[in-house]
Amino acid sequence: MSDLPWPAGSATGIGSLPGTDIVEATKLVFGELPSLPHLPELPDRGPGAEMIGRGAAFLTDLPVELYAGRWRIASHHGLDMRRTLDLLERDIDTLTETADGYAGPLKVQAPGPWTLAANLDLPIGGRLLHDHGAARELAESLADGLARHVADVHRRVPGANVLLQIDEPSLPAVLSGQVPTESGLRTLRSVAATTAETALRGIVEAAGVPVVFHCCAAAPPLSLFRGAGAVAVSIDLTAVGTGRAALDALGGLLDDGLGLFAGVSGSASAKLAETVSTLWRMLGFPPARAAEQVVVTPPCGLAGASPTAARAALTACVEAGQRLRELQ
């Protein structure tokens, strides 16, 4: 497992943090998560700083605007998207300054194509996911934009080994045909798993760096993520379940050498470590492998937490990772 791109016993955050000060947030991440820091996201700053607006900023040759509180495809960028791009540039500038001289793994995050397609609107109204051809074009645009983003981070922080986290909380609903229409009276037709996997594989191939797929929804599509070329999956352990099928899917993925970003909640590091180690024993793997393959994380973003609670959650994850390392 030594080829996984993070040190044994690592911990990291999912992405979002509370507050509006990107300088303070970036210093917090690099201070609390020295083995695997990430570029923080601050949704409290408003439109353009939340998941869908940030994701739209990575689209190339696909303008987006904010209309009636929702992001939609447009003929040209609106004022809100220009603000969104300014926020992204400010965040990367701050990362450049804070990470000066840093060498090691560094994670950046972006929503995946299916979560964007389920939440962006077409110019004429309705979810972009309704038009599968438009969804395919969006995936290609996102792949190109994320490749540029990764290259920019590499250039700004030359000592970093960049990891790309793709957030796909909407993917289970996309695959099962549970994404509601604009009226909420019907749902959009499902997307075939092979189609979804092909689009995600395009992201991985374009990025050219290790990709972690994050899905904190119930029943995350683990085999699909593996087929798309993930180096790791990031899941909420409580949402996966302990049924035989769920454990077999997770065990098969880990047996193939993929990493697990294990989402666990709480501020008691001993409890977090025990949750991970209990799962590890249920899967039948040697305890010593846990620290190498597992990165301890909160179950999802921390934007809704207080600053004190967010810091405590990150500290607990770091200490839990250290406890797993002691099992070696």
Protein backbone atom coordinates (compact mmCIF):
# COMPACT_ATOMS: atom_id res chain seq x y z
CA MET A 1 0.00 0.00 0.00
CA SER A 2 3.04 2.28 0.09
CA ASP A 3 2.18 3.71 -3.32
CA LEU A 4 -0.90 5.52 -1.97
CA PRO A 5 -0.24 9.28 -2.20
CA TRP A 6 -0.41 10.17 1.51
CA PRO A 7 1.54 9.25 4.66
CA ALA A 8 0.30 6.49 6.96
CA GLY A 9 -2.04 7.74 9.65
CA SER A 10 -3.23 10.77 7.66
CA ALA A 11 -6.33 12.86 8.24
CA THR A 12 -7.95 15.58 6.18
CA GLY A 13 -11.13 17.60 5.78
CA ILE A 14 -13.82 17.11 3.17
CA GLY A 15 -13.62 20.70 1.97
CA SER A 16 -15.99 23.26 3.44
CA LEU A 17 -15.44 25.20 6.65
CA PRO A 18 -17.47 27.86 8.48
CA GLY A 19 -16.79 31.56 8.11
CA THR A 20 -15.84 33.96 5.35
CA ASP A 21 -12.11 34.59 5.91
CA ILE A 22 -10.13 32.49 3.43
CA VAL A 23 -6.78 33.48 4.96
CA GLU A 24 -7.84 32.28 8.41
CA ALA A 25 -9.39 29.09 6.97
CA THR A 26 -6.30 28.21 4.96
CA LYS A 27 -4.03 28.73 7.95
CA LEU A 28 -6.36 26.52 10.01
CA VAL A 29 -6.14 23.71 7.45
CA PHE A 30 -2.36 23.80 7.16
CA GLY A 31 -2.02 24.06 10.94
CA GLU A 32 -4.44 21.27 11.87
CA LEU A 33 -3.93 18.90 8.90
CA PRO A 34 -0.17 18.83 8.28
CA SER A 35 -0.12 15.39 6.60
CA LEU A 36 -2.86 16.13 4.04
CA PRO A 37 -4.04 19.76 3.87
CA HIS A 38 -6.69 20.89 1.41
CA LEU A 39 -7.92 24.05 -0.24
CA PRO A 40 -10.80 25.15 2.03
CA GLU A 41 -14.21 26.15 0.72
CA LEU A 42 -16.29 28.82 2.46
CA PRO A 43 -19.95 28.66 1.38
CA ASP A 44 -20.89 31.34 3.94
CA ARG A 45 -19.52 33.90 1.46
CA GLY A 46 -22.67 33.41 -0.62
CA PRO A 47 -23.39 32.58 -4.27
CA GLY A 48 -20.28 31.45 -6.07
CA ALA A 49 -18.66 30.10 -2.94
CA GLU A 50 -21.10 27.18 -2.52
CA MET A 51 -20.66 23.86 -4.25
CA ILE A 52 -22.57 24.45 -7.50
CA GLY A 53 -21.25 27.95 -8.08
CA ARG A 54 -17.67 26.84 -7.38
CA GLY A 55 -18.13 23.91 -9.76
CA ALA A 56 -19.50 26.16 -12.49
CA ALA A 57 -16.32 28.22 -12.23
CA PHE A 58 -14.35 25.24 -13.58
CA LEU A 59 -16.44 24.86 -16.75
CA THR A 60 -14.68 25.93 -19.94
CA ASP A 61 -16.59 27.37 -22.92
CA LEU A 62 -19.84 26.83 -21.04
CA PRO A 63 -21.03 30.16 -19.58
CA VAL A 64 -23.22 30.14 -16.48
CA GLU A 65 -25.31 32.78 -14.76
CA LEU A 66 -27.31 33.06 -11.55
CA TYR A 67 -31.02 33.53 -12.22
CA ALA A 68 -33.78 33.55 -9.58
CA GLY A 69 -31.43 31.97 -7.08
CA ARG A 70 -30.34 29.08 -9.34
CA TRP A 71 -27.34 28.62 -11.58
CA ARG A 72 -28.14 28.02 -15.25
CA ILE A 73 -26.34 27.69 -18.57
CA ALA A 74 -26.28 31.03 -20.41
CA SER A 75 -24.97 32.71 -23.55
CA HIS A 76 -22.34 34.55 -21.52
CA HIS A 77 -21.18 34.82 -17.91
CA GLY A 78 -23.22 37.08 -15.66
CA LEU A 79 -21.93 39.36 -12.92
CA ASP A 80 -22.33 36.62 -10.33
CA MET A 81 -20.03 34.28 -12.24
CA ARG A 82 -17.40 36.99 -12.52
CA ARG A 83 -17.57 37.32 -8.73
CA THR A 84 -17.32 33.53 -8.47
CA LEU A 85 -14.16 33.50 -10.57
CA ASP A 86 -12.71 36.31 -8.43
CA LEU A 87 -13.37 34.27 -5.28
CA LEU A 88 -11.63 31.24 -6.77
CA GLU A 89 -8.61 33.31 -7.79
CA ARG A 90 -8.42 34.86 -4.32
CA ASP A 91 -8.55 31.41 -2.74
CA ILE A 92 -5.73 30.10 -4.91
CA ASP A 93 -3.66 33.24 -4.23
CA THR A 94 -4.10 32.61 -0.50
CA LEU A 95 -3.16 28.97 -0.95
CA THR A 96 -0.02 30.03 -2.81
CA GLU A 97 1.07 32.26 0.07
CA THR A 98 0.17 29.87 2.89
CA ALA A 99 1.74 26.84 1.18
CA ASP A 100 4.98 28.60 0.30
CA GLY A 101 7.72 26.00 0.76
CA TYR A 102 5.25 23.18 1.41
CA ALA A 103 6.10 19.72 0.05
CA GLY A 104 3.67 16.82 0.24
CA PRO A 105 0.13 15.82 -0.68
CA LEU A 106 -2.37 18.64 -1.19
CA LYS A 107 -6.06 18.10 -1.91
CA VAL A 108 -8.39 20.28 -3.97
CA GLN A 109 -12.11 19.63 -4.41
CA ALA A 110 -14.79 20.13 -7.06
CA PRO A 111 -18.32 18.84 -7.64
CA GLY A 112 -18.55 16.07 -10.21
CA PRO A 113 -20.38 16.26 -13.54
CA TRP A 114 -23.48 14.39 -12.38
CA THR A 115 -24.01 16.51 -9.29
CA LEU A 116 -23.62 19.61 -11.47
CA ALA A 117 -25.99 18.24 -14.12
CA ALA A 118 -28.59 17.53 -11.44
CA ASN A 119 -28.37 21.05 -10.03
CA LEU A 120 -27.66 23.34 -13.00
CA ASP A 121 -30.56 24.49 -15.18
CA LEU A 122 -30.87 24.67 -18.95
CA PRO A 123 -31.38 28.15 -20.50
CA ILE A 124 -35.04 27.28 -21.21
CA GLY A 125 -35.56 25.92 -17.71
CA GLY A 126 -35.42 22.47 -16.19
CA ARG A 127 -32.45 20.52 -14.93
CA LEU A 128 -29.55 20.09 -17.32
CA LEU A 129 -29.67 16.37 -16.47
CA HIS A 130 -32.87 16.19 -18.55
CA ASP A 131 -30.72 16.55 -21.68
CA HIS A 132 -28.20 13.70 -21.68
CA GLY A 133 -26.31 15.24 -24.58
CA ALA A 134 -25.90 18.48 -22.62
CA ALA A 135 -24.76 16.45 -19.61
CA ARG A 136 -22.07 14.82 -21.73
CA GLU A 137 -20.86 18.24 -22.94
CA LEU A 138 -20.82 19.49 -19.35
CA ALA A 139 -18.66 16.53 -18.29
CA GLU A 140 -16.17 17.25 -21.07
CA SER A 141 -16.09 20.95 -20.18
CA LEU A 142 -15.54 20.15 -16.50
CA ALA A 143 -12.73 17.70 -17.29
CA ASP A 144 -10.91 20.37 -19.24
CA GLY A 145 -11.42 23.01 -16.57
CA LEU A 146 -10.27 20.77 -13.74
CA ALA A 147 -7.14 19.78 -15.67
CA ARG A 148 -6.31 23.48 -15.92
CA HIS A 149 -7.09 24.00 -12.23
CA VAL A 150 -4.80 21.14 -11.17
CA ALA A 151 -2.03 22.45 -13.41
CA ASP A 152 -2.42 25.92 -11.88
CA VAL A 153 -2.14 24.54 -8.34
CA HIS A 154 0.94 22.55 -9.38
CA ARG A 155 2.48 25.74 -10.73
CA ARG A 156 1.61 27.79 -7.65
CA VAL A 157 2.73 25.14 -5.12
CA PRO A 158 5.53 23.27 -6.93
CA GLY A 159 6.30 21.02 -3.96
CA ALA A 160 2.74 19.71 -3.76
CA ASN A 161 1.56 16.31 -4.91
CA VAL A 162 -1.97 17.30 -5.87
CA LEU A 163 -4.96 15.05 -5.17
CA LEU A 164 -8.29 15.90 -6.78
CA GLN A 165 -11.46 15.15 -4.83
CA ILE A 166 -14.63 14.90 -6.92
CA ASP A 167 -17.81 15.42 -4.88
CA GLU A 168 -20.80 13.43 -6.18
CA PRO A 169 -23.54 13.60 -3.50
CA SER A 170 -26.26 13.52 -6.19
CA LEU A 171 -24.92 10.53 -8.11
CA PRO A 172 -26.98 7.82 -6.32
CA ALA A 173 -30.17 9.77 -7.15
CA VAL A 174 -28.99 10.24 -10.75
CA LEU A 175 -28.40 6.50 -11.15
CA SER A 176 -31.73 5.52 -9.58
CA GLY A 177 -33.85 8.11 -11.39
CA GLN A 178 -34.72 10.04 -8.22
CA VAL A 179 -33.71 13.57 -9.28
CA PRO A 180 -36.91 15.67 -9.24
CA THR A 181 -38.03 17.81 -12.15
CA GLU A 182 -38.40 21.55 -11.71
CA SER A 183 -42.03 21.16 -10.65
CA GLY A 184 -41.19 18.41 -8.20
CA LEU A 185 -44.10 16.34 -9.53
CA ARG A 186 -41.97 13.89 -11.50
CA THR A 187 -38.39 12.62 -11.58
CA LEU A 188 -35.87 12.61 -14.40
CA ARG A 189 -34.99 9.36 -16.11
CA SER A 190 -32.02 7.53 -14.70
CA VAL A 191 -28.52 7.58 -16.16
CA ALA A 192 -26.91 4.22 -16.93
CA ALA A 193 -24.03 3.28 -14.67
CA THR A 194 -21.78 2.78 -17.70
CA THR A 195 -22.54 6.31 -18.92
CA ALA A 196 -21.84 7.79 -15.50
CA GLU A 197 -18.62 5.83 -15.16
CA THR A 198 -17.37 6.91 -18.59
CA ALA A 199 -17.85 10.58 -17.70
CA LEU A 200 -16.03 10.18 -14.39
CA ARG A 201 -13.20 8.30 -16.07
CA GLY A 202 -12.81 11.26 -18.41
CA ILE A 203 -12.27 13.50 -15.36
CA VAL A 204 -9.61 11.15 -13.99
CA GLU A 205 -7.76 10.87 -17.29
CA ALA A 206 -7.82 14.62 -17.94
CA ALA A 207 -6.67 15.55 -14.42
CA GLY A 208 -3.57 13.35 -14.56
CA VAL A 209 -3.38 13.18 -10.75
CA PRO A 210 -4.82 10.77 -8.16
CA VAL A 211 -8.57 11.26 -7.86
CA VAL A 212 -10.70 10.63 -4.77
CA PHE A 213 -14.46 10.28 -5.29
CA HIS A 214 -16.53 11.59 -2.39
CA CYS A 215 -20.17 10.65 -1.82
CA CYS A 216 -21.73 11.06 1.61
CA ALA A 217 -25.16 9.83 0.46
CA ALA A 218 -26.47 6.40 1.36
CA ALA A 219 -25.37 3.53 -0.88
CA PRO A 220 -22.48 5.28 -2.68
CA PRO A 221 -21.66 3.54 -6.01
CA LEU A 222 -18.31 2.10 -4.95
CA SER A 223 -17.81 -0.25 -7.90
CA LEU A 224 -18.54 2.59 -10.31
CA PHE A 225 -15.91 4.78 -8.63
CA ARG A 226 -13.41 1.95 -8.80
CA GLY A 227 -14.14 1.44 -12.50
CA ALA A 228 -13.68 5.15 -13.16
CA GLY A 229 -10.10 4.98 -11.89
CA ALA A 230 -10.34 6.28 -8.32
CA VAL A 231 -7.30 6.04 -6.07
CA ALA A 232 -9.68 6.24 -3.10
CA VAL A 233 -13.31 6.69 -2.12
CA SER A 234 -14.52 9.13 0.49
CA ILE A 235 -17.70 8.06 2.29
CA ASP A 236 -19.69 8.55 5.47
CA LEU A 237 -19.20 5.25 7.28
CA THR A 238 -22.64 5.47 8.89
CA ALA A 239 -24.31 5.84 5.47
CA VAL A 240 -22.69 2.77 3.92
CA GLY A 241 -24.33 0.27 6.23
CA THR A 242 -23.08 -3.00 7.65
CA GLY A 243 -25.05 -5.38 5.43
CA ARG A 244 -23.20 -8.16 3.66
CA ALA A 245 -23.51 -6.58 0.22
CA ALA A 246 -22.19 -3.20 1.43
CA LEU A 247 -19.28 -4.79 3.26
CA ASP A 248 -18.42 -7.01 0.30
CA ALA A 249 -18.34 -4.00 -2.04
CA LEU A 250 -16.13 -2.00 0.31
CA GLY A 251 -13.92 -4.97 1.09
CA GLY A 252 -13.38 -5.72 -2.59
CA LEU A 253 -12.36 -2.15 -3.24
CA LEU A 254 -9.88 -2.14 -0.35
CA ASP A 255 -8.55 -5.55 -1.31
CA ASP A 256 -7.69 -4.06 -4.71
CA GLY A 257 -5.48 -1.53 -2.92
CA LEU A 258 -7.68 1.56 -3.08
CA GLY A 259 -7.73 4.00 -0.20
CA LEU A 260 -10.65 4.83 2.07
CA PHE A 261 -11.36 8.35 3.27
CA ALA A 262 -13.39 7.23 6.27
CA GLY A 263 -15.98 9.80 7.31
CA VAL A 264 -16.60 9.59 11.04
CA SER A 265 -18.29 12.14 13.29
CA GLY A 266 -17.45 13.34 16.76
CA SER A 267 -14.72 15.08 18.69
CA ALA A 268 -13.41 12.08 20.65
CA SER A 269 -10.46 10.67 18.75
CA ALA A 270 -10.58 7.31 20.55
CA LYS A 271 -14.18 6.78 19.43
CA LEU A 272 -13.35 7.74 15.85
CA ALA A 273 -10.40 5.37 15.73
CA GLU A 274 -12.49 2.57 17.22
CA THR A 275 -15.20 3.08 14.59
CA VAL A 276 -12.63 2.66 11.83
CA SER A 277 -10.80 -0.26 13.45
CA THR A 278 -14.10 -2.08 14.14
CA LEU A 279 -15.03 -1.82 10.47
CA TRP A 280 -11.54 -2.98 9.54
CA ARG A 281 -11.91 -6.08 11.71
CA MET A 282 -15.34 -6.80 10.20
CA LEU A 283 -13.75 -6.71 6.76
CA GLY A 284 -11.08 -9.16 7.87
CA PHE A 285 -8.03 -7.06 7.06
CA PRO A 286 -4.82 -6.98 9.16
CA PRO A 287 -4.93 -4.04 11.61
CA ALA A 288 -1.53 -2.79 10.42
CA ARG A 289 -2.97 -1.98 6.99
CA ALA A 290 -5.57 0.42 8.35
CA ALA A 291 -3.23 3.38 8.82
CA GLU A 292 -1.84 2.94 5.30
CA GLN A 293 -5.13 2.74 3.43
CA VAL A 294 -7.41 4.86 5.62
CA VAL A 295 -7.49 8.65 5.82
CA VAL A 296 -9.73 9.82 8.67
CA THR A 297 -12.13 12.64 7.79
CA PRO A 298 -15.35 14.21 9.02
CA PRO A 299 -18.36 12.55 7.34
CA CYS A 300 -19.05 15.62 5.23
CA GLY A 301 -18.20 19.31 4.99
CA LEU A 302 -18.05 21.45 8.12
CA ALA A 303 -19.63 24.68 6.84
CA GLY A 304 -22.60 24.25 9.18
CA ALA A 305 -20.47 23.82 12.29
CA SER A 306 -19.23 26.54 14.61
CA PRO A 307 -15.57 27.51 14.20
CA THR A 308 -14.78 25.83 17.53
CA ALA A 309 -16.59 22.62 16.58
CA ALA A 310 -14.95 22.55 13.15
CA ARG A 311 -11.49 22.84 14.65
CA ALA A 312 -12.30 20.16 17.24
CA ALA A 313 -13.53 17.80 14.50
CA LEU A 314 -10.33 18.21 12.50
CA THR A 315 -8.17 17.74 15.59
CA ALA A 316 -10.05 14.55 16.46
CA CYS A 317 -9.53 13.19 12.96
CA VAL A 318 -5.78 13.84 13.16
CA GLU A 319 -5.52 12.14 16.56
CA ALA A 320 -7.61 9.20 15.32
CA GLY A 321 -5.25 8.77 12.37
CA GLN A 322 -2.33 8.69 14.79
CA ARG A 323 -4.10 6.03 16.87
CA LEU A 324 -4.54 3.89 13.75
CA ARG A 325 -0.85 4.25 13.05
CA GLU A 326 -0.07 2.86 16.49
CA LEU A 327 -1.75 -0.39 15.41
CA GLN A 328 1.12 -1.05 12.98
